[in-house]
Amino acid sequence: MLTINTRIKELRLEKEMTQKQLANTIGTTEDSVYSWEKGRAQPSVTFIISLVKYFGVTADYLLGIVDHI
């Protein structure tokens, strides 16, 4: 089962985005995205909502609860 940090990185790379581009898109910093992807921090509920809306996935998928979108 994949974790949220892996899912964020995979989804970002599928869109061919940099961490900075994703950060700008959802209103956070590049450092935050880096920390999420490295598993050093977790996005807040507000950013989880922004991520699922932007990537068009469910929160269950993003959080690693289910393996399908």
C-alpha atoms as a PDB file:
ATOM      1  CA  MET A   1       0.000   0.000   0.000  1.00  0.00           C
ATOM      2  CA  LEU A   2       1.369   3.375  -0.994  1.00  0.00           C
ATOM      3  CA  THR A   3       1.515   6.272   1.419  1.00  0.00           C
ATOM      4  CA  ILE A   4       0.356   9.825   0.875  1.00  0.00           C
ATOM      5  CA  ASN A   5       3.904  11.030   0.228  1.00  0.00           C
ATOM      6  CA  THR A   6       4.342   8.520  -2.600  1.00  0.00           C
ATOM      7  CA  ARG A   7       0.938   9.323  -4.071  1.00  0.00           C
ATOM      8  CA  ILE A   8       1.570  13.077  -4.093  1.00  0.00           C
ATOM      9  CA  LYS A   9       4.870  12.592  -5.889  1.00  0.00           C
ATOM     10  CA  GLU A  10       3.433  10.127  -8.424  1.00  0.00           C
ATOM     11  CA  LEU A  11       0.480  12.378  -9.225  1.00  0.00           C
ATOM     12  CA  ARG A  12       2.730  15.414  -9.557  1.00  0.00           C
ATOM     13  CA  LEU A  13       5.097  13.591 -11.910  1.00  0.00           C
ATOM     14  CA  GLU A  14       2.179  12.305 -14.019  1.00  0.00           C
ATOM     15  CA  LYS A  15       1.299  15.951 -14.663  1.00  0.00           C
ATOM     16  CA  GLU A  16       4.974  16.693 -15.392  1.00  0.00           C
ATOM     17  CA  MET A  17       5.047  19.374 -12.698  1.00  0.00           C
ATOM     18  CA  THR A  18       7.848  20.557 -10.479  1.00  0.00           C
ATOM     19  CA  GLN A  19       7.359  20.804  -6.740  1.00  0.00           C
ATOM     20  CA  LYS A  20       7.341  24.579  -7.129  1.00  0.00           C
ATOM     21  CA  GLN A  21       4.594  24.444  -9.760  1.00  0.00           C
ATOM     22  CA  LEU A  22       2.428  22.240  -7.561  1.00  0.00           C
ATOM     23  CA  ALA A  23       3.044  24.487  -4.579  1.00  0.00           C
ATOM     24  CA  ASN A  24       2.012  27.567  -6.558  1.00  0.00           C
ATOM     25  CA  THR A  25      -1.081  25.792  -7.869  1.00  0.00           C
ATOM     26  CA  ILE A  26      -2.401  24.860  -4.426  1.00  0.00           C
ATOM     27  CA  GLY A  27      -1.125  27.891  -2.524  1.00  0.00           C
ATOM     28  CA  THR A  28       1.712  26.514  -0.445  1.00  0.00           C
ATOM     29  CA  THR A  29       5.498  26.522  -0.544  1.00  0.00           C
ATOM     30  CA  GLU A  30       7.923  24.358  -2.462  1.00  0.00           C
ATOM     31  CA  ASP A  31       9.436  23.362   0.900  1.00  0.00           C
ATOM     32  CA  SER A  32       6.050  22.031   2.038  1.00  0.00           C
ATOM     33  CA  VAL A  33       5.631  19.883  -1.061  1.00  0.00           C
ATOM     34  CA  TYR A  34       9.195  18.615  -0.657  1.00  0.00           C
ATOM     35  CA  SER A  35       8.508  17.712   2.988  1.00  0.00           C
ATOM     36  CA  TRP A  36       5.279  15.919   2.090  1.00  0.00           C
ATOM     37  CA  GLU A  37       6.957  13.890  -0.630  1.00  0.00           C
ATOM     38  CA  LYS A  38       9.840  12.937   1.659  1.00  0.00           C
ATOM     39  CA  GLY A  39       7.426  11.889   4.414  1.00  0.00           C
ATOM     40  CA  ARG A  40       8.786  14.498   6.800  1.00  0.00           C
ATOM     41  CA  ALA A  41       5.426  16.229   7.136  1.00  0.00           C
ATOM     42  CA  GLN A  42       1.794  15.613   6.254  1.00  0.00           C
ATOM     43  CA  PRO A  43      -0.441  18.062   4.409  1.00  0.00           C
ATOM     44  CA  SER A  44      -3.223  19.643   6.425  1.00  0.00           C
ATOM     45  CA  VAL A  45      -6.827  18.779   5.648  1.00  0.00           C
ATOM     46  CA  THR A  46      -7.076  22.015   3.670  1.00  0.00           C
ATOM     47  CA  PHE A  47      -4.208  20.964   1.405  1.00  0.00           C
ATOM     48  CA  ILE A  48      -5.498  17.392   1.104  1.00  0.00           C
ATOM     49  CA  ILE A  49      -8.735  18.862  -0.232  1.00  0.00           C
ATOM     50  CA  SER A  50      -6.786  21.075  -2.645  1.00  0.00           C
ATOM     51  CA  LEU A  51      -4.711  18.111  -3.829  1.00  0.00           C
ATOM     52  CA  VAL A  52      -7.673  15.801  -4.457  1.00  0.00           C
ATOM     53  CA  LYS A  53      -9.529  18.534  -6.332  1.00  0.00           C
ATOM     54  CA  TYR A  54      -6.520  19.422  -8.451  1.00  0.00           C
ATOM     55  CA  PHE A  55      -5.528  15.839  -9.271  1.00  0.00           C
ATOM     56  CA  GLY A  56      -9.103  14.585  -9.625  1.00  0.00           C
ATOM     57  CA  VAL A  57      -8.663  11.712  -7.185  1.00  0.00           C
ATOM     58  CA  THR A  58     -10.432  10.703  -3.999  1.00  0.00           C
ATOM     59  CA  ALA A  59      -9.073  11.383  -0.534  1.00  0.00           C
ATOM     60  CA  ASP A  60      -9.077   7.614   0.029  1.00  0.00           C
ATOM     61  CA  TYR A  61      -6.765   7.178  -2.952  1.00  0.00           C
ATOM     62  CA  LEU A  62      -4.482  10.039  -1.944  1.00  0.00           C
ATOM     63  CA  LEU A  63      -4.238   8.737   1.621  1.00  0.00           C
ATOM     64  CA  GLY A  64      -3.430   5.215   0.444  1.00  0.00           C
ATOM     65  CA  ILE A  65      -6.638   3.660   1.759  1.00  0.00           C
ATOM     66  CA  VAL A  66      -7.601   2.325  -1.681  1.00  0.00           C
ATOM     67  CA  ASP A  67      -5.417   1.481  -4.653  1.00  0.00           C
ATOM     68  CA  HIS A  68      -7.728   2.722  -7.399  1.00  0.00           C
ATOM     69  CA  ILE A  69      -8.803   6.211  -8.321  1.00  0.00           C
END
